[in-house]
């Protein structure tokens, strides 16, 4: 029995995402797969123990505010 690989596709255009890049090409908010043309970035404020800093996260079009 062979285990079938799940093909990751972009939620916007349906483009196939290569399997070696599928783990990091996801939306940080909802977890959907997104290609590089439909990737947006959002700044997030994070509070640490001693300081406040800003982080940039990858999001899809529907999660972009």
N, C-alpha and C. Protein backbone atom coordinates (compact mmCIF):
# COMPACT_ATOMS: atom_id res chain seq x y z
N UNK A 1 0.83 -1.19 0.00
CA UNK A 1 0.00 0.00 0.00
C UNK A 1 0.87 1.24 0.00
N UNK A 2 0.60 2.13 -0.90
CA UNK A 2 1.36 3.38 -0.95
C UNK A 2 0.53 4.50 -0.36
N UNK A 3 1.20 5.34 0.36
CA UNK A 3 0.53 6.48 0.97
C UNK A 3 0.54 7.64 -0.02
N UNK A 4 -0.63 8.16 -0.34
CA UNK A 4 -0.73 9.26 -1.28
C UNK A 4 -0.38 10.58 -0.60
N UNK A 5 0.39 11.40 -1.30
CA UNK A 5 0.75 12.71 -0.79
C UNK A 5 -0.36 13.70 -1.10
N UNK A 6 -0.69 14.51 -0.12
CA UNK A 6 -1.70 15.54 -0.34
C UNK A 6 -1.05 16.72 -1.04
N UNK A 7 -1.59 17.11 -2.17
CA UNK A 7 -1.03 18.22 -2.95
C UNK A 7 -1.55 19.53 -2.38
N UNK A 8 -0.62 20.43 -2.04
CA UNK A 8 -1.00 21.74 -1.52
C UNK A 8 -1.27 22.67 -2.69
N UNK A 9 -2.40 23.35 -2.64
CA UNK A 9 -2.78 24.31 -3.68
C UNK A 9 -3.10 25.65 -3.03
N UNK A 10 -2.83 26.71 -3.78
CA UNK A 10 -3.13 28.06 -3.33
C UNK A 10 -4.65 28.22 -3.25
N UNK A 11 -5.14 28.86 -2.20
CA UNK A 11 -6.58 29.04 -2.03
C UNK A 11 -7.13 30.11 -2.97
N UNK A 12 -6.28 31.00 -3.47
CA UNK A 12 -6.73 32.07 -4.37
C UNK A 12 -6.78 31.63 -5.82
N UNK A 13 -5.67 31.05 -6.33
CA UNK A 13 -5.59 30.75 -7.77
C UNK A 13 -5.55 29.26 -8.08
N UNK A 14 -5.33 28.40 -7.10
CA UNK A 14 -5.30 26.96 -7.33
C UNK A 14 -3.97 26.43 -7.81
N UNK A 15 -2.94 27.26 -7.83
CA UNK A 15 -1.60 26.84 -8.27
C UNK A 15 -1.03 25.80 -7.30
N UNK A 16 -0.37 24.79 -7.83
CA UNK A 16 0.22 23.74 -7.00
C UNK A 16 1.48 24.29 -6.33
N UNK A 17 1.58 24.08 -5.02
CA UNK A 17 2.74 24.51 -4.25
C UNK A 17 3.66 23.31 -4.09
N UNK A 18 4.96 23.44 -4.39
CA UNK A 18 5.88 22.31 -4.26
C UNK A 18 5.89 21.75 -2.84
N UNK A 19 6.09 20.45 -2.72
CA UNK A 19 5.99 19.79 -1.41
C UNK A 19 7.07 20.26 -0.44
N UNK A 20 8.25 20.65 -0.92
CA UNK A 20 9.28 21.12 0.00
C UNK A 20 9.01 22.53 0.52
N UNK A 21 8.11 23.28 -0.13
CA UNK A 21 7.77 24.63 0.32
C UNK A 21 6.40 24.70 0.98
N UNK A 22 5.65 23.63 0.97
CA UNK A 22 4.28 23.65 1.46
C UNK A 22 4.19 23.89 2.96
N UNK A 23 5.23 23.54 3.71
CA UNK A 23 5.17 23.69 5.17
C UNK A 23 5.26 25.15 5.61
N UNK A 24 5.94 26.00 4.85
CA UNK A 24 6.07 27.40 5.26
C UNK A 24 5.24 28.36 4.43
N UNK A 25 4.59 27.91 3.37
CA UNK A 25 3.72 28.79 2.57
C UNK A 25 2.28 28.68 3.03
N UNK A 26 2.05 29.02 4.26
CA UNK A 26 0.70 28.98 4.83
C UNK A 26 0.38 30.32 5.49
N UNK A 27 -0.89 30.61 5.58
CA UNK A 27 -1.36 31.82 6.26
C UNK A 27 -1.19 31.63 7.77
N UNK A 28 -0.65 32.64 8.44
CA UNK A 28 -0.44 32.56 9.88
C UNK A 28 -1.74 32.65 10.68
N UNK A 29 -2.79 33.16 10.07
CA UNK A 29 -4.06 33.33 10.78
C UNK A 29 -4.97 32.11 10.63
N UNK A 30 -5.21 31.67 9.38
CA UNK A 30 -6.17 30.59 9.16
C UNK A 30 -5.53 29.26 8.78
N UNK A 31 -4.26 29.28 8.33
CA UNK A 31 -3.56 28.05 8.00
C UNK A 31 -3.75 27.55 6.58
N UNK A 32 -4.38 28.34 5.71
CA UNK A 32 -4.56 27.96 4.31
C UNK A 32 -3.25 28.10 3.55
N UNK A 33 -3.06 27.29 2.51
CA UNK A 33 -1.87 27.37 1.66
C UNK A 33 -2.01 28.55 0.71
N UNK A 34 -0.91 29.30 0.53
CA UNK A 34 -0.91 30.45 -0.36
C UNK A 34 0.38 30.47 -1.18
N UNK A 35 0.27 30.88 -2.45
CA UNK A 35 1.46 30.99 -3.29
C UNK A 35 2.11 32.36 -3.07
N UNK A 36 3.27 32.57 -3.68
CA UNK A 36 4.00 33.82 -3.45
C UNK A 36 3.30 35.03 -4.04
N UNK A 37 2.53 34.88 -5.12
CA UNK A 37 1.84 36.02 -5.71
C UNK A 37 0.66 36.49 -4.86
N UNK A 38 0.10 35.61 -4.05
CA UNK A 38 -1.05 35.97 -3.22
C UNK A 38 -0.70 36.03 -1.74
N UNK A 39 0.56 36.29 -1.45
CA UNK A 39 1.01 36.42 -0.07
C UNK A 39 1.00 37.89 0.33
N UNK A 40 0.42 38.17 1.46
CA UNK A 40 0.42 39.51 2.03
C UNK A 40 1.08 39.42 3.39
N UNK A 41 1.56 40.54 3.88
CA UNK A 41 2.24 40.57 5.17
C UNK A 41 1.55 41.56 6.08
N UNK A 42 1.51 41.22 7.36
CA UNK A 42 0.85 42.06 8.34
C UNK A 42 1.76 42.20 9.56
N UNK A 43 1.83 43.39 10.09
CA UNK A 43 2.65 43.63 11.27
C UNK A 43 1.85 43.30 12.52
N UNK A 44 2.48 42.58 13.45
CA UNK A 44 1.83 42.17 14.68
C UNK A 44 2.66 42.67 15.85
N UNK A 45 1.99 43.29 16.81
CA UNK A 45 2.67 43.79 18.01
C UNK A 45 2.74 42.68 19.05
N UNK A 46 3.93 42.39 19.52
CA UNK A 46 4.13 41.35 20.53
C UNK A 46 4.76 41.97 21.76
N UNK A 47 4.29 41.54 22.91
CA UNK A 47 4.82 42.04 24.16
C UNK A 47 5.65 40.95 24.82
N UNK A 48 6.93 41.24 25.01
CA UNK A 48 7.83 40.32 25.67
C UNK A 48 7.91 40.63 27.15
N UNK A 49 8.79 39.95 27.83
CA UNK A 49 8.96 40.15 29.26
C UNK A 49 9.53 41.53 29.57
N UNK A 50 10.48 41.98 28.75
CA UNK A 50 11.13 43.26 29.01
C UNK A 50 10.89 44.32 27.96
N UNK A 51 10.37 43.95 26.82
CA UNK A 51 10.27 44.91 25.73
C UNK A 51 9.06 44.60 24.85
N UNK A 52 8.63 45.58 24.07
CA UNK A 52 7.58 45.42 23.08
C UNK A 52 8.26 45.42 21.71
N UNK A 53 7.92 44.46 20.87
CA UNK A 53 8.50 44.40 19.55
C UNK A 53 7.44 44.05 18.52
N UNK A 54 7.77 44.27 17.26
CA UNK A 54 6.85 44.03 16.16
C UNK A 54 7.38 42.88 15.30
N UNK A 55 6.47 42.03 14.86
CA UNK A 55 6.79 40.88 14.04
C UNK A 55 5.97 40.97 12.75
N UNK A 56 6.50 40.46 11.66
CA UNK A 56 5.80 40.45 10.38
C UNK A 56 5.38 39.01 10.09
N UNK A 57 4.08 38.80 9.86
CA UNK A 57 3.57 37.46 9.60
C UNK A 57 2.94 37.40 8.22
N UNK A 58 2.96 36.22 7.62
CA UNK A 58 2.42 35.97 6.29
C UNK A 58 0.93 35.66 6.42
N UNK A 59 0.09 36.35 5.63
CA UNK A 59 -1.36 36.15 5.66
C UNK A 59 -1.91 36.06 4.24
N UNK A 60 -3.11 35.49 4.12
CA UNK A 60 -3.78 35.41 2.83
C UNK A 60 -4.67 36.64 2.63
N UNK A 61 -5.31 36.73 1.49
CA UNK A 61 -6.12 37.91 1.16
C UNK A 61 -7.33 38.07 2.08
N UNK A 62 -7.98 36.95 2.44
CA UNK A 62 -9.18 37.06 3.27
C UNK A 62 -8.87 37.39 4.72
N UNK A 63 -7.65 37.12 5.18
CA UNK A 63 -7.26 37.44 6.56
C UNK A 63 -6.62 38.81 6.67
N UNK A 64 -6.28 39.41 5.52
CA UNK A 64 -5.68 40.73 5.53
C UNK A 64 -6.72 41.74 5.99
N UNK A 65 -6.36 42.58 6.91
CA UNK A 65 -7.32 43.54 7.48
C UNK A 65 -7.20 44.87 6.76
